[in-house]
Amino acid sequence: MNYILKNHSYSDDIVVTIMMFYPNEKYIQTDTCGDLTVLSMLDGKTAIAAFYDGGEEKAHFALDTAADDEHSVRFALRTAVFKCLMQVKPTKAPWGTLTGVRPAKLVWTMYNEGLNDDEVYTRLTDSYYVTGDKARLAIKVAKSEKRIVENGRGKTGMYIGIPFCPTRCLYCSFTSYPLDRYAEKVDAYLDALETEIKFTAGLIRDKELESIYIGGGTPTSLDERQLDRLLTMVRDNFKAPVEYTVEAGRPDTINLEKLRILKAHDVNRISINPQTLNDDTLAAIGRRHTVSDFYNAFELARQAGHTHINTDIILGLPGEDESHVTRTMDGLERLSPESITVHTLAVKRASRLRETLDRYEMTTFDRMEKMLGITAKRTAEMGMQPYYMYRQKNMVGNFENVGYCKPGHECIYNVQIMEEQQSIIALGAGGSTKTVEKTPHGDKIERIFNVKSVDDYITRIDEMIQRKKEGLENF
């Protein structure tokens, strides 16, 4: 799929809009109108879009910008392309022209303009072409997130990355390394991490930590001694936060002793992620555990005293349909977790799934819509409400990921990292620290990156410390 930009350089806005209609293609910027080409042009205050096939114009749409500011111009350019492509390839677009990761953030903006719920709903559906059910979802999530964000003002969050996993899942693009090949480097990694933890503790000693989130990878892929060492480092250097999460994502990495170690260190939220409760799918996506293993891990967590357990599931895994999702929700309902995070499969560029896409039959839009309907209905029946939501590129059906929870069991960290209203300090390989400074001209966000490679992190830890020192000098 080719595209042409004239008199503007907002390629990301145009490509993301094209992706709604032509997903999983290569998008090439060009200067000529050849086969399947989208033209996006800014002519004064008018956004113009045209679609060409074989050099012949097949559709055209023009829209005047509401103002000269960047937001209005980008909005008009996206809308023009959206309306133009709808003429040649009518597509169900639940989120309309919205291309951002955080739909709830747009709702906040409208509230700040003084709009009420009905007016927000009307603008979402009339100006952004969002469907009614998605507009209601965005409003509901925005209200929940707003309360959490306001309670966390002036506080800080922390992420600690443990980039080791038993295996790499088919859909995964995270920074993670197979434990069987990196087992001998885990202690060296923890040595480097301890150096970063101790240094960071000195830098932020005056800050109130609201949440600590240890993720990965799979933190519980560490053995019992290593896990205890990690949590002891955290306990010895930071005050206990309101929320302390450790991902115990892979059931095949969990045993009773590890769960007791987590509890002894005051971890008050864990995530055990089956992704699906269908054994054939688990085998196909590279998970080395069964549905029975997940049930056993969950029951061990309750036995160890864990009272806030989240479970992640993914909709749209290869070969799954509504019956598989119903089976998964049946199993989760029997276990009664405190929260369920429903992910829509995203075909990420760095995943094995993207490399082998031709081997799989992917879920259709209509099927994904039905599966999302099942999870929304079933979580409501379990006494849960949506509290957190985000979207990604290359999501099947251009839908969303939603966190549901029972009252009082929202994940503070999830909301804060997504809404970018609080500074999050990130430690470990692949960590991306994000500082948020309130200014008269809006939020100033700066980032400090750690290297992704485990080997580089270990050998260049002094450089990571220097980056922290410089980046957090005035924090």
Protein backbone atom coordinates (compact mmCIF):
# COMPACT_ATOMS: atom_id res chain seq x y z
CA MET A 1 0.00 0.00 0.00
CA ASN A 2 1.49 3.34 -1.11
CA TYR A 3 0.80 6.79 0.26
CA ILE A 4 1.71 10.33 -0.73
CA LEU A 5 2.02 13.34 1.59
CA LYS A 6 1.76 16.87 0.22
CA ASN A 7 2.34 20.03 2.28
CA HIS A 8 2.54 18.14 5.58
CA SER A 9 4.65 15.46 7.28
CA TYR A 10 2.15 13.66 9.52
CA SER A 11 2.91 10.22 8.12
CA ASP A 12 2.06 8.34 11.33
CA ASP A 13 -1.50 9.73 11.35
CA ILE A 14 -2.03 8.77 7.73
CA VAL A 15 -0.51 5.29 7.96
CA VAL A 16 -2.45 4.39 11.11
CA THR A 17 -5.67 5.46 9.40
CA ILE A 18 -4.85 3.43 6.28
CA MET A 19 -4.17 0.41 8.52
CA MET A 20 -7.83 0.38 9.58
CA PHE A 21 -8.77 -0.50 6.00
CA TYR A 22 -5.68 -2.39 4.82
CA PRO A 23 -4.15 -4.13 7.85
CA ASN A 24 -0.89 -6.10 7.86
CA GLU A 25 0.41 -4.50 4.67
CA LYS A 26 3.68 -2.74 3.88
CA TYR A 27 3.11 1.01 3.79
CA ILE A 28 5.45 2.82 1.41
CA GLN A 29 5.71 6.57 1.03
CA THR A 30 6.01 7.54 -2.63
CA ASP A 31 5.58 10.44 -5.03
CA THR A 32 3.50 8.82 -7.76
CA CYS A 33 -0.12 7.66 -7.87
CA GLY A 34 0.22 4.03 -8.89
CA ASP A 35 -1.52 0.88 -7.69
CA LEU A 36 -3.46 1.31 -4.43
CA THR A 37 -2.20 4.74 -3.43
CA VAL A 38 -3.59 7.15 -0.85
CA LEU A 39 -2.90 10.85 -1.32
CA SER A 40 -3.08 13.12 1.74
CA MET A 41 -2.68 16.82 1.05
CA LEU A 42 -3.01 20.02 3.04
CA ASP A 43 -4.16 22.88 0.80
CA GLY A 44 -4.27 25.99 2.94
CA LYS A 45 -6.89 25.16 5.58
CA THR A 46 -8.34 22.25 3.65
CA ALA A 47 -7.39 18.61 4.21
CA ILE A 48 -7.76 16.61 1.00
CA ALA A 49 -7.58 12.85 0.55
CA ALA A 50 -7.78 10.79 -2.64
CA PHE A 51 -7.51 7.10 -3.42
CA TYR A 52 -5.94 5.83 -6.64
CA ASP A 53 -5.99 2.37 -8.19
CA GLY A 54 -3.86 1.81 -11.24
CA GLY A 55 -3.21 5.53 -11.44
CA GLU A 56 -6.93 6.35 -11.66
CA GLU A 57 -8.65 8.32 -8.93
CA LYS A 58 -11.43 6.22 -7.35
CA ALA A 59 -12.43 8.38 -4.36
CA HIS A 60 -11.94 11.90 -3.06
CA PHE A 61 -12.81 13.78 0.14
CA ALA A 62 -12.05 17.31 1.39
CA LEU A 63 -12.51 18.80 4.85
CA ASP A 64 -11.76 22.28 6.17
CA THR A 65 -9.72 22.41 9.37
CA ALA A 66 -11.44 23.93 12.38
CA ALA A 67 -8.32 25.89 13.40
CA ASP A 68 -4.63 26.33 12.59
CA ASP A 69 -3.29 24.40 15.58
CA GLU A 70 -1.53 21.08 15.05
CA HIS A 71 -4.24 18.99 16.71
CA SER A 72 -6.96 20.40 14.43
CA VAL A 73 -4.87 19.92 11.31
CA ARG A 74 -3.99 16.32 12.14
CA PHE A 75 -7.62 15.58 13.02
CA ALA A 76 -8.78 16.95 9.65
CA LEU A 77 -6.14 15.01 7.71
CA ARG A 78 -7.06 11.72 9.43
CA THR A 79 -10.76 12.33 8.96
CA ALA A 80 -10.34 13.11 5.26
CA VAL A 81 -8.44 9.86 4.66
CA PHE A 82 -10.97 7.93 6.75
CA LYS A 83 -13.97 9.29 4.82
CA CYS A 84 -12.20 8.82 1.49
CA LEU A 85 -11.34 5.17 2.12
CA MET A 86 -14.85 4.46 3.41
CA GLN A 87 -16.05 5.19 -0.13
CA VAL A 88 -13.92 2.45 -1.71
CA LYS A 89 -13.72 -0.05 1.14
CA PRO A 90 -16.58 0.37 3.62
CA THR A 91 -15.19 -0.96 6.90
CA LYS A 92 -16.55 -1.44 10.39
CA ALA A 93 -14.52 0.97 12.51
CA PRO A 94 -15.65 0.78 16.15
CA TRP A 95 -13.33 3.61 17.17
CA GLY A 96 -13.98 5.72 14.09
CA THR A 97 -11.13 8.07 13.30
CA LEU A 98 -9.48 7.67 16.72
CA THR A 99 -5.97 6.33 16.27
CA GLY A 100 -4.49 7.05 19.69
CA VAL A 101 -3.54 4.55 22.37
CA ARG A 102 -5.66 6.21 25.07
CA PRO A 103 -9.28 6.97 24.10
CA ALA A 104 -10.11 7.89 27.70
CA LYS A 105 -7.58 10.71 27.57
CA LEU A 106 -9.63 12.39 24.84
CA VAL A 107 -12.69 12.14 27.09
CA TRP A 108 -10.73 13.90 29.85
CA THR A 109 -9.94 16.72 27.42
CA MET A 110 -13.62 17.14 26.67
CA TYR A 111 -14.50 17.20 30.37
CA ASN A 112 -11.87 19.91 30.85
CA GLU A 113 -13.64 21.92 28.14
CA GLY A 114 -16.77 21.79 30.28
CA LEU A 115 -18.70 19.12 28.33
CA ASN A 116 -21.04 16.80 30.21
CA ASP A 117 -21.49 13.08 29.54
CA ASP A 118 -24.16 13.55 26.88
CA GLU A 119 -22.08 16.16 25.06
CA VAL A 120 -18.97 13.96 25.20
CA TYR A 121 -20.98 11.06 23.80
CA THR A 122 -22.31 13.22 20.95
CA ARG A 123 -18.90 14.54 20.01
CA LEU A 124 -17.37 11.06 20.01
CA THR A 125 -20.09 9.63 17.81
CA ASP A 126 -20.72 12.62 15.51
CA SER A 127 -17.22 14.09 15.08
CA TYR A 128 -15.01 11.03 15.54
CA TYR A 129 -17.48 8.41 14.20
CA VAL A 130 -17.04 6.22 17.29
CA THR A 131 -19.82 3.66 17.75
CA GLY A 132 -22.23 4.17 20.62
CA ASP A 133 -21.03 1.21 22.70
CA LYS A 134 -17.38 2.27 22.42
CA ALA A 135 -18.27 5.86 23.33
CA ARG A 136 -20.03 4.62 26.47
CA LEU A 137 -17.04 2.39 27.30
CA ALA A 138 -14.62 5.32 26.92
CA ILE A 139 -16.74 7.51 29.21
CA LYS A 140 -17.02 4.80 31.87
CA VAL A 141 -13.27 4.07 31.82
CA ALA A 142 -12.36 7.78 31.86
CA LYS A 143 -14.33 8.31 35.07
CA SER A 144 -12.64 5.37 36.77
CA GLU A 145 -9.17 6.38 35.61
CA LYS A 146 -9.69 10.02 36.57
CA ARG A 147 -10.32 9.08 40.20
CA ILE A 148 -7.16 6.94 40.34
CA VAL A 149 -5.01 9.59 38.66
CA GLU A 150 -6.22 12.34 40.97
CA ASN A 151 -5.50 10.21 44.05
CA GLY A 152 -1.95 9.66 42.80
CA ARG A 153 -0.97 13.26 42.10
CA GLY A 154 2.48 14.09 43.45
CA LYS A 155 3.36 10.41 43.89
CA THR A 156 5.65 8.16 41.87
CA GLY A 157 5.41 4.68 40.36
CA MET A 158 8.14 2.14 39.74
CA TYR A 159 8.64 -0.67 37.23
CA ILE A 160 11.28 -3.38 37.64
CA GLY A 161 11.91 -5.62 34.65
CA ILE A 162 12.89 -9.29 34.87
CA PRO A 163 13.38 -10.20 31.20
CA PHE A 164 13.42 -14.01 31.45
CA CYS A 165 10.76 -16.49 30.33
CA PRO A 166 10.51 -20.29 30.05
CA THR A 167 9.68 -19.90 26.34
CA ARG A 168 8.81 -17.10 23.94
CA CYS A 169 5.11 -17.07 23.07
CA LEU A 170 3.98 -16.88 19.45
CA TYR A 171 2.52 -13.37 19.79
CA CYS A 172 5.16 -11.85 22.10
CA SER A 173 7.32 -8.84 21.21
CA PHE A 174 8.46 -7.89 24.73
CA THR A 175 12.06 -7.82 25.88
CA SER A 176 12.42 -11.40 27.12
CA TYR A 177 15.04 -14.11 26.97
CA PRO A 178 14.60 -17.91 27.21
CA LEU A 179 15.70 -19.04 30.64
CA ASP A 180 17.28 -22.27 29.42
CA ARG A 181 19.85 -20.20 27.49
CA TYR A 182 20.30 -17.40 30.03
CA ALA A 183 20.11 -19.27 33.35
CA GLU A 184 23.80 -18.71 34.10
CA LYS A 185 23.39 -14.95 33.66
CA VAL A 186 20.46 -14.43 36.03
CA ASP A 187 22.63 -13.79 39.11
CA ALA A 188 24.84 -11.37 37.18
CA TYR A 189 21.68 -9.62 36.02
CA LEU A 190 20.46 -9.34 39.62
CA ASP A 191 23.87 -7.94 40.62
CA ALA A 192 23.49 -5.17 38.04
CA LEU A 193 19.87 -4.60 39.01
CA GLU A 194 20.84 -4.27 42.67
CA THR A 195 23.33 -1.57 41.71
CA GLU A 196 20.60 0.34 39.86
CA ILE A 197 18.09 -0.16 42.68
CA LYS A 198 20.45 1.19 45.34
CA PHE A 199 21.43 4.20 43.25
CA THR A 200 17.83 5.00 42.34
CA ALA A 201 16.71 4.71 45.96
CA GLY A 202 19.08 7.54 46.83
CA LEU A 203 17.78 9.71 44.00
CA ILE A 204 14.09 9.37 44.90
CA ARG A 205 14.32 9.08 48.70
CA ASP A 206 11.99 12.09 49.10
CA LYS A 207 9.34 10.74 46.72
CA GLU A 208 6.28 8.77 47.80
CA LEU A 209 6.05 5.49 45.90
CA GLU A 210 2.43 4.73 45.11
CA SER A 211 3.04 1.49 43.21
CA ILE A 212 5.77 -0.99 42.39
CA TYR A 213 5.25 -3.33 39.45
CA ILE A 214 7.69 -6.18 38.79
CA GLY A 215 7.09 -7.47 35.28
CA GLY A 216 8.92 -9.05 32.40
CA GLY A 217 9.34 -11.52 30.93
CA THR A 218 8.16 -13.63 33.83
CA PRO A 219 9.58 -12.66 37.24
CA THR A 220 8.57 -16.01 38.75
CA SER A 221 10.86 -17.76 36.27
CA LEU A 222 13.56 -16.94 38.85
CA ASP A 223 14.21 -19.76 41.28
CA GLU A 224 13.21 -19.43 44.93
CA ARG A 225 16.58 -18.07 46.09
CA GLN A 226 16.74 -15.53 43.27
CA LEU A 227 13.15 -14.42 43.76
CA ASP A 228 13.72 -13.91 47.48
CA ARG A 229 16.90 -11.98 46.73
CA LEU A 230 15.06 -9.69 44.29
CA LEU A 231 12.23 -8.93 46.69
CA THR A 232 14.66 -8.40 49.57
CA MET A 233 16.50 -5.79 47.47
CA VAL A 234 13.22 -3.98 46.92
CA ARG A 235 12.22 -4.18 50.60
CA ASP A 236 15.60 -2.94 51.82
CA ASN A 237 15.66 0.09 49.52
CA PHE A 238 12.08 1.32 49.16
CA LYS A 239 9.18 1.95 51.50
CA ALA A 240 6.21 -0.35 50.97
CA PRO A 241 3.84 1.17 48.40
CA VAL A 242 0.05 1.12 48.39
CA GLU A 243 0.15 -1.37 45.52
CA TYR A 244 2.86 -3.98 45.00
CA THR A 245 2.42 -6.20 41.93
CA VAL A 246 4.50 -9.13 40.74
CA GLU A 247 3.64 -10.86 37.48
CA ALA A 248 3.45 -14.61 38.04
CA GLY A 249 2.25 -14.82 34.47
CA ARG A 250 3.28 -18.33 33.50
CA PRO A 251 1.64 -21.08 35.57
CA ASP A 252 4.59 -23.35 34.78
CA THR A 253 6.87 -21.05 36.83
CA ILE A 254 4.75 -21.08 39.99
CA ASN A 255 4.96 -23.26 43.07
CA LEU A 256 3.76 -22.88 46.65
CA GLU A 257 7.15 -21.78 47.98
CA LYS A 258 7.45 -18.93 45.47
CA LEU A 259 3.92 -17.81 46.24
CA ARG A 260 4.74 -17.79 49.96
CA ILE A 261 7.89 -15.77 49.27
CA LEU A 262 5.78 -13.18 47.43
CA LYS A 263 3.34 -13.02 50.34
CA ALA A 264 6.13 -12.76 52.94
CA HIS A 265 7.47 -9.69 51.11
CA ASP A 266 4.06 -7.96 51.20
CA VAL A 267 3.30 -8.33 47.50
CA ASN A 268 -0.43 -7.56 47.45
CA ARG A 269 -1.30 -8.12 43.80
CA ILE A 270 -0.20 -10.90 41.43
CA SER A 271 -1.12 -11.76 37.87
CA ILE A 272 -1.48 -15.38 36.74
CA ASN A 273 -2.15 -15.39 33.02
CA PRO A 274 -3.67 -18.38 31.24
CA GLN A 275 -4.30 -16.37 27.99
CA THR A 276 -6.85 -19.08 27.16
CA LEU A 277 -8.34 -22.13 28.88
CA ASN A 278 -8.02 -24.35 25.82
CA ASP A 279 -5.13 -26.83 25.77
CA ASP A 280 -4.81 -27.03 21.98
CA THR A 281 -4.35 -23.27 21.74
CA LEU A 282 -1.84 -23.20 24.59
CA ALA A 283 0.30 -25.74 22.73
CA ALA A 284 -0.02 -23.83 19.45
CA ILE A 285 1.15 -20.50 20.94
CA GLY A 286 4.16 -22.00 22.72
CA ARG A 287 2.98 -22.10 26.33
CA ARG A 288 4.49 -25.00 28.26
CA HIS A 289 1.55 -25.45 30.58
CA THR A 290 -1.94 -26.88 30.46
CA VAL A 291 -5.29 -25.58 31.62
CA SER A 292 -4.97 -27.91 34.61
CA ASP A 293 -1.62 -26.33 35.48
CA PHE A 294 -3.28 -22.91 35.53
CA TYR A 295 -6.05 -24.11 37.84
CA ASN A 296 -3.49 -25.64 40.18
CA ALA A 297 -1.38 -22.46 40.22
CA PHE A 298 -4.42 -20.32 41.00
CA GLU A 299 -5.49 -22.59 43.85
CA LEU A 300 -1.94 -22.56 45.27
CA ALA A 301 -2.02 -18.76 45.22
CA ARG A 302 -5.21 -18.75 47.27
CA GLN A 303 -3.66 -21.30 49.61
CA ALA A 304 -0.66 -18.99 50.09
CA GLY A 305 -3.02 -16.16 51.06
CA HIS A 306 -3.13 -14.03 47.91
CA THR A 307 -6.38 -12.07 47.82
CA HIS A 308 -5.90 -9.96 44.68
CA ILE A 309 -5.23 -12.10 41.64
CA ASN A 310 -5.50 -10.80 38.08
CA THR A 311 -5.82 -13.08 35.07
CA ASP A 312 -4.97 -12.03 31.50
CA ILE A 313 -6.67 -13.54 28.48
CA ILE A 314 -6.19 -12.90 24.77
CA LEU A 315 -9.01 -12.86 22.22
CA GLY A 316 -8.30 -13.78 18.61
CA LEU A 317 -5.63 -16.40 19.18
CA PRO A 318 -5.22 -18.62 16.09
CA GLY A 319 -7.97 -21.22 15.80
CA GLU A 320 -10.22 -19.81 18.53
CA ASP A 321 -13.86 -18.76 18.18
CA GLU A 322 -16.73 -17.80 20.48
CA SER A 323 -16.98 -21.29 21.99
CA HIS A 324 -13.35 -21.14 23.14
CA VAL A 325 -13.87 -17.74 24.75
CA THR A 326 -17.02 -19.00 26.49
CA ARG A 327 -15.06 -21.96 27.86
CA THR A 328 -12.34 -19.62 29.12
CA MET A 329 -14.85 -17.34 30.84
CA ASP A 330 -16.61 -20.35 32.39
CA GLY A 331 -13.35 -21.42 33.99
CA LEU A 332 -12.46 -17.94 35.24
CA GLU A 333 -15.91 -17.48 36.72
CA ARG A 334 -15.45 -20.63 38.81
CA LEU A 335 -12.14 -19.29 40.14
CA SER A 336 -13.48 -15.78 40.79
CA PRO A 337 -10.34 -13.67 40.29
CA GLU A 338 -10.40 -10.07 41.48
CA SER A 339 -9.66 -8.72 38.00
CA ILE A 340 -9.52 -9.89 34.41
CA THR A 341 -7.61 -8.12 31.66
CA VAL A 342 -9.00 -8.83 28.19
CA HIS A 343 -6.49 -8.33 25.39
CA THR A 344 -7.31 -8.24 21.70
CA LEU A 345 -4.59 -10.03 19.74
CA ALA A 346 -2.12 -7.60 18.18
CA VAL A 347 0.10 -8.87 15.38
CA LYS A 348 3.31 -7.18 16.51
CA ARG A 349 6.20 -6.63 14.16
CA ALA A 350 8.77 -8.35 16.40
CA SER A 351 6.64 -11.43 17.11
CA ARG A 352 6.97 -14.92 15.64
CA LEU A 353 3.30 -14.64 14.67
CA ARG A 354 4.06 -11.76 12.30
CA GLU A 355 6.88 -13.76 10.71
CA THR A 356 4.64 -16.81 10.16
CA LEU A 357 1.29 -15.11 9.57
CA ASP A 358 0.53 -17.13 6.46
CA ARG A 359 0.31 -20.33 8.54
CA TYR A 360 -2.66 -19.17 10.57
CA GLU A 361 -6.30 -18.33 9.96
CA MET A 362 -6.86 -15.04 11.74
CA THR A 363 -10.07 -13.99 13.46
CA THR A 364 -12.54 -11.90 11.47
CA PHE A 365 -13.91 -8.55 12.61
CA ASP A 366 -17.39 -9.99 13.25
CA ARG A 367 -16.03 -12.88 15.31
CA MET A 368 -13.82 -10.59 17.37
CA GLU A 369 -16.77 -8.30 18.01
CA LYS A 370 -18.79 -11.25 19.31
CA MET A 371 -15.93 -12.47 21.50
CA LEU A 372 -15.53 -9.03 23.04
CA GLY A 373 -19.26 -9.01 23.68
CA ILE A 374 -18.96 -12.31 25.54
CA THR A 375 -16.20 -11.01 27.83
CA ALA A 376 -18.03 -7.74 28.53
CA LYS A 377 -21.22 -9.60 29.44
CA ARG A 378 -19.52 -12.26 31.54
CA THR A 379 -17.32 -9.85 33.51
CA ALA A 380 -20.41 -7.77 34.33
CA GLU A 381 -22.14 -10.91 35.59
CA MET A 382 -19.08 -11.52 37.79
CA GLY A 383 -19.54 -8.11 39.42
CA MET A 384 -16.75 -6.40 37.48
CA GLN A 385 -16.59 -3.02 35.77
CA PRO A 386 -14.14 -1.71 33.14
CA TYR A 387 -11.56 0.57 34.76
CA TYR A 388 -8.65 0.71 32.32
CA MET A 389 -8.29 0.58 28.54
CA TYR A 390 -5.73 1.05 25.81
CA ARG A 391 -5.30 0.33 22.13
CA GLN A 392 -2.36 -0.84 20.00
CA LYS A 393 -1.33 -0.84 16.38
CA ASN A 394 -2.10 -3.98 14.39
CA MET A 395 -4.91 -5.10 16.69
CA VAL A 396 -7.25 -7.59 15.07
CA GLY A 397 -10.41 -5.65 14.19
CA ASN A 398 -8.91 -2.36 15.45
CA PHE A 399 -10.54 -2.96 18.83
CA GLU A 400 -9.15 -2.44 22.37
CA ASN A 401 -7.70 -4.02 25.50
CA VAL A 402 -9.83 -3.62 28.63
CA GLY A 403 -9.15 -4.23 32.30
CA TYR A 404 -12.17 -5.33 34.33
CA CYS A 405 -12.20 -5.60 38.11
CA LYS A 406 -14.36 -6.03 41.17
CA PRO A 407 -14.88 -2.81 43.16
CA GLY A 408 -11.69 -1.67 44.89
CA HIS A 409 -9.37 -3.91 42.86
CA GLU A 410 -8.24 -1.53 40.13
CA CYS A 411 -4.55 -1.74 39.20
CA ILE A 412 -3.10 1.69 40.02
CA TYR A 413 0.09 1.10 38.05
CA ASN A 414 -1.77 0.12 34.87
CA VAL A 415 -3.77 3.34 34.91
CA GLN A 416 -0.83 5.60 35.77
CA ILE A 417 1.52 4.18 33.12
CA MET A 418 -1.17 4.50 30.47
CA GLU A 419 -2.46 7.98 31.27
CA GLU A 420 1.00 9.57 31.66
CA GLN A 421 -0.01 11.80 34.56
CA GLN A 422 2.58 10.41 36.99
CA SER A 423 6.34 9.81 36.77
CA ILE A 424 7.26 6.13 36.49
CA ILE A 425 10.84 5.10 37.30
CA ALA A 426 11.86 1.99 35.33
CA LEU A 427 14.72 -0.31 36.33
CA GLY A 428 16.26 -3.27 34.54
CA ALA A 429 16.94 -4.21 30.93
CA GLY A 430 14.54 -2.51 28.52
CA GLY A 431 13.26 -0.15 31.21
CA SER A 432 11.94 3.22 30.03
CA THR A 433 11.69 5.81 32.79
CA LYS A 434 9.06 8.46 32.17
CA THR A 435 9.08 11.72 34.14
CA VAL A 436 6.07 14.02 34.07
CA GLU A 437 6.45 17.68 34.96
CA LYS A 438 3.45 19.99 35.24
CA THR A 439 4.05 23.33 33.50
CA PRO A 440 1.84 26.33 32.59
CA HIS A 441 1.99 25.10 28.99
CA GLY A 442 0.98 21.52 29.73
CA ASP A 443 2.71 18.35 30.82
CA LYS A 444 6.40 18.02 29.99
CA ILE A 445 7.28 14.34 29.54
CA GLU A 446 10.86 13.14 29.32
CA ARG A 447 12.21 9.59 29.02
CA ILE A 448 15.34 7.80 30.17
CA PHE A 449 16.04 4.52 28.41
CA ASN A 450 17.92 1.46 29.58
CA VAL A 451 19.45 -0.87 27.00
CA LYS A 452 17.30 -3.89 26.10
CA SER A 453 19.97 -6.57 25.90
CA VAL A 454 20.63 -8.52 29.10
CA ASP A 455 24.33 -8.76 28.24
CA ASP A 456 24.59 -5.02 27.55
CA TYR A 457 22.69 -4.19 30.72
CA ILE A 458 25.11 -6.25 32.81
CA THR A 459 28.28 -4.88 31.20
CA ARG A 460 27.04 -1.28 30.85
CA ILE A 461 25.32 -0.83 34.20
CA ASP A 462 27.56 2.16 35.02
CA GLU A 463 26.25 3.85 31.89
CA MET A 464 22.65 3.13 32.96
CA ILE A 465 23.43 4.72 36.34
CA GLN A 466 24.86 7.79 34.62
CA ARG A 467 21.73 8.10 32.46
CA LYS A 468 19.59 8.00 35.61
CA LYS A 469 21.81 10.53 37.35
CA GLU A 470 21.55 13.00 34.48
CA GLY A 471 17.88 12.39 33.72
CA LEU A 472 16.68 12.58 37.32
CA GLU A 473 19.02 15.37 38.43
CA ASN A 474 16.14 17.82 38.98
CA PHE A 475 13.43 15.24 39.64
